[in-house]
Amino acid sequence: MLKNLDFVPRVVEVCKLDERQTRLFYGCVADAYGYGGISAVAIAARSHNSTVSRGVLEVRGELELPRDNRIRRKGGGRRRAAERQPGLEQALRKLVAQHLVRDSPYSLPYVGLSLRHISALLKEQGFQVSHGYICKFLRDNGYRTKYMRRS
């Protein structure tokens, strides 16, 4: 019988397990432990009981694993900022259009503001958005934030 579970967090750390693998490992250990295994593993791993119990159900085959090798279920995670805040993309497009810099006919246009400055201007308009989201938005729409010179 497994009594000392100090090895549980160490295995996860050394093996560099992703969330799904970690959950399955916790489930295997808790199932092998027997009665009280879910709580014991959760305490030893500093994890939540629901994570360990979901792992036990997945190991036993009572909870179906995603077929497409996903780590989380479909629809999990945070909603996109544009979905949570209607009008964000339009405000961002308008702000970018106002501060677009075209140096010469040969260079690509770039935005004359820093990502954090754009974020601050959007915050003044009532939107909550990170500079990382703005960077991804600009990259996806073909803009740059800085004029790049040839050396």
N, C-alpha and C. Protein backbone atom coordinates (compact mmCIF):
# COMPACT_ATOMS: atom_id res chain seq x y z
N MET A 1 0.86 -1.18 0.00
CA MET A 1 0.00 0.00 0.00
C MET A 1 0.89 1.23 0.00
N LEU A 2 0.51 2.23 -0.78
CA LEU A 2 1.26 3.48 -0.87
C LEU A 2 0.94 4.34 0.34
N LYS A 3 1.92 4.66 1.12
CA LYS A 3 1.70 5.53 2.29
C LYS A 3 2.34 6.89 2.08
N ASN A 4 3.58 6.91 1.62
CA ASN A 4 4.30 8.15 1.44
C ASN A 4 4.16 8.60 -0.02
N LEU A 5 3.51 9.73 -0.23
CA LEU A 5 3.26 10.21 -1.59
C LEU A 5 4.14 11.41 -1.96
N ASP A 6 5.29 11.52 -1.33
CA ASP A 6 6.19 12.64 -1.62
C ASP A 6 6.72 12.60 -3.05
N PHE A 7 6.68 11.43 -3.67
CA PHE A 7 7.21 11.27 -5.02
C PHE A 7 6.28 11.88 -6.09
N VAL A 8 5.01 12.07 -5.78
CA VAL A 8 4.03 12.48 -6.78
C VAL A 8 4.39 13.81 -7.46
N PRO A 9 4.60 14.91 -6.72
CA PRO A 9 4.94 16.15 -7.43
C PRO A 9 6.30 16.09 -8.13
N ARG A 10 7.21 15.31 -7.58
CA ARG A 10 8.55 15.19 -8.17
C ARG A 10 8.48 14.50 -9.53
N VAL A 11 7.66 13.46 -9.65
CA VAL A 11 7.51 12.76 -10.93
C VAL A 11 6.96 13.70 -12.00
N VAL A 12 5.96 14.48 -11.63
CA VAL A 12 5.36 15.43 -12.58
C VAL A 12 6.40 16.45 -13.03
N GLU A 13 7.21 16.92 -12.11
CA GLU A 13 8.23 17.92 -12.42
C GLU A 13 9.33 17.34 -13.31
N VAL A 14 9.85 16.18 -12.95
CA VAL A 14 10.97 15.58 -13.67
C VAL A 14 10.54 15.13 -15.07
N CYS A 15 9.37 14.54 -15.17
CA CYS A 15 8.90 14.01 -16.46
C CYS A 15 8.30 15.08 -17.35
N LYS A 16 8.12 16.29 -16.84
CA LYS A 16 7.55 17.40 -17.60
C LYS A 16 6.22 17.00 -18.25
N LEU A 17 5.31 16.53 -17.42
CA LEU A 17 4.00 16.09 -17.90
C LEU A 17 3.11 17.28 -18.18
N ASP A 18 2.30 17.18 -19.24
CA ASP A 18 1.32 18.24 -19.50
C ASP A 18 0.11 18.01 -18.59
N GLU A 19 -0.90 18.86 -18.71
CA GLU A 19 -2.05 18.78 -17.79
C GLU A 19 -2.76 17.44 -17.86
N ARG A 20 -2.96 16.95 -19.07
CA ARG A 20 -3.67 15.68 -19.25
C ARG A 20 -2.88 14.52 -18.66
N GLN A 21 -1.59 14.46 -18.95
CA GLN A 21 -0.74 13.40 -18.43
C GLN A 21 -0.66 13.47 -16.91
N THR A 22 -0.58 14.68 -16.37
CA THR A 22 -0.54 14.86 -14.93
C THR A 22 -1.81 14.34 -14.28
N ARG A 23 -2.95 14.70 -14.89
CA ARG A 23 -4.24 14.25 -14.37
C ARG A 23 -4.34 12.72 -14.38
N LEU A 24 -3.88 12.08 -15.47
CA LEU A 24 -3.91 10.62 -15.56
C LEU A 24 -2.96 9.98 -14.54
N PHE A 25 -1.80 10.59 -14.34
CA PHE A 25 -0.85 10.08 -13.35
C PHE A 25 -1.45 10.16 -11.94
N TYR A 26 -2.02 11.32 -11.62
CA TYR A 26 -2.68 11.46 -10.32
C TYR A 26 -3.78 10.42 -10.16
N GLY A 27 -4.55 10.19 -11.22
CA GLY A 27 -5.62 9.21 -11.17
C GLY A 27 -5.11 7.81 -10.92
N CYS A 28 -4.00 7.43 -11.57
CA CYS A 28 -3.41 6.10 -11.37
C CYS A 28 -2.95 5.91 -9.93
N VAL A 29 -2.25 6.92 -9.41
CA VAL A 29 -1.74 6.83 -8.05
C VAL A 29 -2.89 6.78 -7.04
N ALA A 30 -3.90 7.62 -7.24
CA ALA A 30 -5.05 7.64 -6.32
C ALA A 30 -5.82 6.34 -6.37
N ASP A 31 -5.96 5.77 -7.57
CA ASP A 31 -6.68 4.49 -7.72
C ASP A 31 -5.90 3.37 -7.04
N ALA A 32 -4.57 3.39 -7.17
CA ALA A 32 -3.75 2.36 -6.53
C ALA A 32 -3.74 2.52 -5.01
N TYR A 33 -3.87 3.73 -4.53
CA TYR A 33 -3.87 4.01 -3.09
C TYR A 33 -5.08 3.39 -2.41
N GLY A 34 -6.22 3.43 -3.12
CA GLY A 34 -7.44 2.88 -2.54
C GLY A 34 -8.25 3.95 -1.85
N TYR A 35 -8.95 3.56 -0.79
CA TYR A 35 -9.83 4.46 -0.06
C TYR A 35 -9.03 5.66 0.46
N GLY A 36 -9.51 6.86 0.18
CA GLY A 36 -8.83 8.08 0.61
C GLY A 36 -7.72 8.53 -0.31
N GLY A 37 -7.56 7.84 -1.43
CA GLY A 37 -6.48 8.13 -2.36
C GLY A 37 -6.61 9.48 -3.04
N ILE A 38 -7.83 9.84 -3.36
CA ILE A 38 -8.03 11.12 -4.06
C ILE A 38 -7.57 12.28 -3.17
N SER A 39 -8.00 12.29 -1.92
CA SER A 39 -7.59 13.36 -1.01
C SER A 39 -6.09 13.31 -0.73
N ALA A 40 -5.56 12.11 -0.54
CA ALA A 40 -4.13 11.98 -0.22
C ALA A 40 -3.27 12.49 -1.38
N VAL A 41 -3.63 12.13 -2.61
CA VAL A 41 -2.85 12.58 -3.77
C VAL A 41 -3.02 14.08 -3.96
N ALA A 42 -4.23 14.59 -3.79
CA ALA A 42 -4.47 16.02 -3.95
C ALA A 42 -3.64 16.83 -2.96
N ILE A 43 -3.56 16.37 -1.73
CA ILE A 43 -2.76 17.06 -0.72
C ILE A 43 -1.27 16.97 -1.05
N ALA A 44 -0.80 15.77 -1.41
CA ALA A 44 0.62 15.58 -1.72
C ALA A 44 1.04 16.38 -2.95
N ALA A 45 0.16 16.45 -3.94
CA ALA A 45 0.50 17.12 -5.19
C ALA A 45 0.15 18.60 -5.18
N ARG A 46 -0.49 19.06 -4.09
CA ARG A 46 -0.97 20.45 -4.00
C ARG A 46 -1.89 20.76 -5.17
N SER A 47 -2.79 19.83 -5.41
CA SER A 47 -3.73 19.95 -6.51
C SER A 47 -5.15 19.94 -5.95
N HIS A 48 -6.13 20.12 -6.80
CA HIS A 48 -7.52 20.13 -6.37
C HIS A 48 -8.10 18.72 -6.44
N ASN A 49 -9.01 18.41 -5.52
CA ASN A 49 -9.64 17.09 -5.50
C ASN A 49 -10.33 16.77 -6.82
N SER A 50 -10.95 17.77 -7.45
CA SER A 50 -11.67 17.51 -8.70
C SER A 50 -10.72 17.10 -9.82
N THR A 51 -9.50 17.62 -9.82
CA THR A 51 -8.51 17.23 -10.82
C THR A 51 -8.14 15.77 -10.66
N VAL A 52 -7.89 15.37 -9.42
CA VAL A 52 -7.50 13.98 -9.15
C VAL A 52 -8.67 13.04 -9.42
N SER A 53 -9.87 13.42 -8.99
CA SER A 53 -11.03 12.54 -9.20
C SER A 53 -11.35 12.41 -10.69
N ARG A 54 -11.16 13.49 -11.47
CA ARG A 54 -11.35 13.39 -12.92
C ARG A 54 -10.31 12.44 -13.51
N GLY A 55 -9.08 12.49 -12.99
CA GLY A 55 -8.04 11.56 -13.45
C GLY A 55 -8.39 10.13 -13.14
N VAL A 56 -8.96 9.88 -11.95
CA VAL A 56 -9.38 8.51 -11.60
C VAL A 56 -10.46 8.03 -12.56
N LEU A 57 -11.43 8.88 -12.85
CA LEU A 57 -12.51 8.50 -13.77
C LEU A 57 -11.97 8.23 -15.18
N GLU A 58 -11.01 9.02 -15.62
CA GLU A 58 -10.41 8.80 -16.94
C GLU A 58 -9.62 7.51 -16.98
N VAL A 59 -8.90 7.20 -15.91
CA VAL A 59 -8.12 5.97 -15.85
C VAL A 59 -9.04 4.75 -15.87
N ARG A 60 -10.12 4.83 -15.13
CA ARG A 60 -11.06 3.70 -15.07
C ARG A 60 -11.91 3.58 -16.33
N GLY A 61 -11.89 4.57 -17.19
CA GLY A 61 -12.68 4.54 -18.41
C GLY A 61 -14.11 5.02 -18.22
N GLU A 62 -14.40 5.62 -17.08
CA GLU A 62 -15.74 6.10 -16.80
C GLU A 62 -15.97 7.50 -17.38
N LEU A 63 -14.90 8.18 -17.72
CA LEU A 63 -14.97 9.50 -18.32
C LEU A 63 -14.18 9.43 -19.62
N GLU A 64 -14.83 9.78 -20.72
CA GLU A 64 -14.21 9.63 -22.02
C GLU A 64 -13.12 10.67 -22.25
N LEU A 65 -11.97 10.20 -22.74
CA LEU A 65 -10.88 11.10 -23.09
C LEU A 65 -11.14 11.70 -24.47
N PRO A 66 -10.73 12.93 -24.71
CA PRO A 66 -10.90 13.51 -26.05
C PRO A 66 -10.14 12.69 -27.08
N ARG A 67 -10.74 12.48 -28.23
CA ARG A 67 -10.13 11.64 -29.27
C ARG A 67 -9.02 12.33 -30.04
N ASP A 68 -9.03 13.64 -30.09
CA ASP A 68 -8.09 14.36 -30.94
C ASP A 68 -6.83 14.82 -30.19
N ASN A 69 -6.45 14.07 -29.17
CA ASN A 69 -5.23 14.36 -28.39
C ASN A 69 -5.23 15.75 -27.77
N ARG A 70 -6.39 16.27 -27.49
CA ARG A 70 -6.48 17.56 -26.80
C ARG A 70 -6.16 17.35 -25.33
N ILE A 71 -5.61 18.37 -24.69
CA ILE A 71 -5.31 18.29 -23.27
C ILE A 71 -6.55 18.64 -22.46
N ARG A 72 -7.27 19.66 -22.93
CA ARG A 72 -8.50 20.09 -22.26
C ARG A 72 -9.69 19.78 -23.14
N ARG A 73 -10.86 19.79 -22.53
CA ARG A 73 -12.07 19.59 -23.31
C ARG A 73 -12.28 20.78 -24.23
N LYS A 74 -13.00 20.55 -25.31
CA LYS A 74 -13.32 21.62 -26.24
C LYS A 74 -14.15 22.67 -25.53
N GLY A 75 -13.86 23.93 -25.80
CA GLY A 75 -14.61 25.01 -25.17
C GLY A 75 -14.04 25.43 -23.84
N GLY A 76 -13.00 24.75 -23.37
CA GLY A 76 -12.39 25.11 -22.10
C GLY A 76 -11.49 26.32 -22.26
N GLY A 77 -11.17 26.95 -21.19
CA GLY A 77 -10.28 28.10 -21.23
C GLY A 77 -11.04 29.41 -21.28
N ARG A 78 -10.29 30.46 -21.32
CA ARG A 78 -10.85 31.80 -21.31
C ARG A 78 -11.45 32.17 -22.66
N ARG A 79 -12.47 32.98 -22.65
CA ARG A 79 -13.03 33.51 -23.88
C ARG A 79 -12.12 34.61 -24.41
N ARG A 80 -12.11 34.76 -25.73
CA ARG A 80 -11.30 35.79 -26.34
C ARG A 80 -11.78 37.17 -25.89
N ALA A 81 -10.85 38.11 -25.82
CA ALA A 81 -11.18 39.45 -25.36
C ALA A 81 -12.24 40.09 -26.25
N ALA A 82 -12.18 39.83 -27.56
CA ALA A 82 -13.16 40.42 -28.48
C ALA A 82 -14.56 39.83 -28.25
N GLU A 83 -14.64 38.59 -27.80
CA GLU A 83 -15.94 37.97 -27.50
C GLU A 83 -16.53 38.55 -26.21
N ARG A 84 -15.67 38.83 -25.25
CA ARG A 84 -16.14 39.35 -23.96
C ARG A 84 -16.48 40.83 -24.03
N GLN A 85 -15.84 41.55 -24.95
CA GLN A 85 -16.01 43.00 -25.03
C GLN A 85 -16.39 43.40 -26.45
N PRO A 86 -17.68 43.45 -26.74
CA PRO A 86 -18.10 43.84 -28.09
C PRO A 86 -17.61 45.23 -28.44
N GLY A 87 -17.16 45.40 -29.66
CA GLY A 87 -16.67 46.69 -30.11
C GLY A 87 -15.18 46.89 -29.93
N LEU A 88 -14.51 45.93 -29.30
CA LEU A 88 -13.07 46.07 -29.05
C LEU A 88 -12.28 46.11 -30.35
N GLU A 89 -12.55 45.17 -31.25
CA GLU A 89 -11.78 45.12 -32.49
C GLU A 89 -12.01 46.37 -33.34
N GLN A 90 -13.24 46.88 -33.36
CA GLN A 90 -13.52 48.09 -34.13
C GLN A 90 -12.76 49.28 -33.54
N ALA A 91 -12.74 49.39 -32.22
CA ALA A 91 -12.01 50.48 -31.56
C ALA A 91 -10.52 50.37 -31.82
N LEU A 92 -10.01 49.14 -31.82
CA LEU A 92 -8.59 48.91 -32.06
C LEU A 92 -8.23 49.26 -33.51
N ARG A 93 -9.08 48.86 -34.46
CA ARG A 93 -8.85 49.20 -35.86
C ARG A 93 -8.85 50.72 -36.07
N LYS A 94 -9.77 51.41 -35.43
CA LYS A 94 -9.86 52.87 -35.55
C LYS A 94 -8.62 53.54 -34.98
N LEU A 95 -8.17 53.05 -33.82
CA LEU A 95 -6.98 53.60 -33.17
C LEU A 95 -5.74 53.38 -34.03
N VAL A 96 -5.62 52.19 -34.61
CA VAL A 96 -4.48 51.88 -35.47
C VAL A 96 -4.50 52.77 -36.71
N ALA A 97 -5.69 52.96 -37.30
CA ALA A 97 -5.80 53.80 -38.50
C ALA A 97 -5.40 55.24 -38.20
N GLN A 98 -5.71 55.74 -37.01
CA GLN A 98 -5.35 57.11 -36.64
C GLN A 98 -3.85 57.30 -36.47
N HIS A 99 -3.16 56.25 -36.05
CA HIS A 99 -1.73 56.37 -35.74
C HIS A 99 -0.86 55.58 -36.70
N LEU A 100 -1.35 55.34 -37.90
CA LEU A 100 -0.58 54.61 -38.90
C LEU A 100 0.43 55.55 -39.53
N VAL A 101 1.67 55.10 -39.66
CA VAL A 101 2.75 55.91 -40.21
C VAL A 101 3.22 55.27 -41.51
N ARG A 102 3.24 56.08 -42.56
CA ARG A 102 3.79 55.60 -43.85
C ARG A 102 4.99 56.50 -44.15
N ASP A 103 6.17 55.93 -44.02
CA ASP A 103 7.40 56.71 -44.19
C ASP A 103 7.69 57.03 -45.65
N SER A 104 7.63 56.02 -46.49
CA SER A 104 7.88 56.22 -47.91
C SER A 104 7.02 55.23 -48.68
N PRO A 105 6.90 55.42 -49.97
CA PRO A 105 6.07 54.48 -50.73
C PRO A 105 6.63 53.07 -50.75
N TYR A 106 7.90 52.90 -50.37
CA TYR A 106 8.53 51.58 -50.43
C TYR A 106 8.46 50.82 -49.11
N SER A 107 8.23 51.51 -48.02
CA SER A 107 8.21 50.83 -46.73
C SER A 107 6.78 50.44 -46.35
N LEU A 108 6.69 49.40 -45.57
CA LEU A 108 5.39 48.94 -45.07
C LEU A 108 4.90 49.89 -43.98
N PRO A 109 3.58 50.07 -43.87
CA PRO A 109 3.07 50.94 -42.80
C PRO A 109 3.30 50.32 -41.43
N TYR A 110 3.47 51.18 -40.46
CA TYR A 110 3.64 50.70 -39.09
C TYR A 110 2.88 51.61 -38.14
N VAL A 111 2.60 51.12 -36.96
CA VAL A 111 1.86 51.87 -35.96
C VAL A 111 2.85 52.67 -35.14
N GLY A 112 2.58 53.95 -34.98
CA GLY A 112 3.51 54.84 -34.30
C GLY A 112 3.40 54.84 -32.79
N LEU A 113 2.64 53.93 -32.21
CA LEU A 113 2.48 53.85 -30.75
C LEU A 113 3.02 52.52 -30.24
N SER A 114 3.44 52.50 -29.00
CA SER A 114 3.85 51.24 -28.40
C SER A 114 2.61 50.42 -28.04
N LEU A 115 2.80 49.14 -27.83
CA LEU A 115 1.69 48.26 -27.47
C LEU A 115 1.04 48.69 -26.17
N ARG A 116 1.85 49.08 -25.21
CA ARG A 116 1.31 49.49 -23.90
C ARG A 116 0.58 50.83 -24.00
N HIS A 117 1.03 51.69 -24.91
CA HIS A 117 0.34 52.97 -25.10
C HIS A 117 -1.04 52.72 -25.74
N ILE A 118 -1.09 51.82 -26.71
CA ILE A 118 -2.37 51.45 -27.33
C ILE A 118 -3.29 50.87 -26.28
N SER A 119 -2.75 50.01 -25.43
CA SER A 119 -3.54 49.40 -24.35
C SER A 119 -4.10 50.47 -23.42
N ALA A 120 -3.28 51.46 -23.09
CA ALA A 120 -3.73 52.54 -22.20
C ALA A 120 -4.83 53.37 -22.85
N LEU A 121 -4.69 53.64 -24.16
CA LEU A 121 -5.71 54.41 -24.87
C LEU A 121 -7.04 53.65 -24.94
N LEU A 122 -6.95 52.34 -25.12
CA LEU A 122 -8.17 51.52 -25.14
C LEU A 122 -8.80 51.46 -23.75
N LYS A 123 -7.96 51.46 -22.72
CA LYS A 123 -8.48 51.45 -21.35
C LYS A 123 -9.26 52.72 -21.06
N GLU A 124 -8.80 53.85 -21.60
CA GLU A 124 -9.52 55.11 -21.46
C GLU A 124 -10.91 55.05 -22.11
N GLN A 125 -11.03 54.21 -23.14
CA GLN A 125 -12.31 54.05 -23.84
C GLN A 125 -13.21 53.02 -23.15
N GLY A 126 -12.69 52.39 -22.09
CA GLY A 126 -13.50 51.44 -21.33
C GLY A 126 -13.24 49.98 -21.64
N PHE A 127 -12.21 49.68 -22.41
CA PHE A 127 -11.87 48.30 -22.75
C PHE A 127 -10.74 47.81 -21.86
N GLN A 128 -10.78 46.55 -21.52
CA GLN A 128 -9.71 45.92 -20.74
C GLN A 128 -8.99 44.96 -21.67
N VAL A 129 -7.77 45.30 -22.08
CA VAL A 129 -7.04 44.49 -23.04
C VAL A 129 -5.54 44.55 -22.73
N SER A 130 -4.86 43.44 -22.93
CA SER A 130 -3.43 43.37 -22.64
C SER A 130 -2.61 43.74 -23.88
N HIS A 131 -1.36 44.07 -23.65
CA HIS A 131 -0.48 44.39 -24.78
C HIS A 131 -0.21 43.14 -25.63
N GLY A 132 -0.29 41.96 -25.02
CA GLY A 132 -0.10 40.71 -25.78
C GLY A 132 -1.19 40.50 -26.81
N TYR A 133 -2.44 40.80 -26.42
CA TYR A 133 -3.56 40.68 -27.35
C TYR A 133 -3.38 41.67 -28.50
N ILE A 134 -2.95 42.88 -28.19
CA ILE A 134 -2.76 43.90 -29.22
C ILE A 134 -1.66 43.47 -30.18
N CYS A 135 -0.58 42.92 -29.66
CA CYS A 135 0.51 42.44 -30.50
C CYS A 135 0.02 41.38 -31.47
N LYS A 136 -0.75 40.43 -30.97
CA LYS A 136 -1.29 39.37 -31.83
C LYS A 136 -2.24 39.94 -32.86
N PHE A 137 -3.08 40.88 -32.46
CA PHE A 137 -4.02 41.51 -33.38
C PHE A 137 -3.26 42.21 -34.52
N LEU A 138 -2.24 42.99 -34.17
CA LEU A 138 -1.48 43.72 -35.18
C LEU A 138 -0.76 42.76 -36.12
N ARG A 139 -0.16 41.73 -35.57
CA ARG A 139 0.55 40.75 -36.38
C ARG A 139 -0.39 40.04 -37.34
N ASP A 140 -1.57 39.66 -36.84
CA ASP A 140 -2.55 38.94 -37.67
C ASP A 140 -3.13 39.83 -38.77
N ASN A 141 -3.12 41.15 -38.57
CA ASN A 141 -3.68 42.06 -39.56
C ASN A 141 -2.63 42.75 -40.41
N GLY A 142 -1.39 42.29 -40.33
CA GLY A 142 -0.33 42.79 -41.22
C GLY A 142 0.30 44.11 -40.82
N TYR A 143 0.19 44.50 -39.57
CA TYR A 143 0.81 45.74 -39.11
C TYR A 143 2.06 45.43 -38.29
N ARG A 144 2.92 46.43 -38.20
CA ARG A 144 4.08 46.36 -37.32
C ARG A 144 3.98 47.49 -36.32
N THR A 145 4.69 47.38 -35.24
CA THR A 145 4.63 48.43 -34.23
C THR A 145 5.83 49.37 -34.31
N LYS A 146 6.81 49.01 -35.09
CA LYS A 146 8.02 49.81 -35.12
C LYS A 146 8.53 49.86 -36.56
N TYR A 147 9.07 51.00 -36.92
CA TYR A 147 9.69 51.11 -38.23
C TYR A 147 11.01 50.38 -38.18
N MET A 148 11.20 49.45 -39.07
CA MET A 148 12.44 48.67 -39.09
C MET A 148 13.34 49.17 -40.21
N ARG A 149 14.54 49.58 -39.83
CA ARG A 149 15.48 50.10 -40.82
C ARG A 149 16.44 49.00 -41.27
N ARG A 150 16.90 49.13 -42.48
CA ARG A 150 17.91 48.19 -42.95
C ARG A 150 19.26 48.60 -42.39
N SER A 151 20.07 47.60 -42.06
CA SER A 151 21.39 47.94 -41.55
C SER A 151 22.45 47.65 -42.59
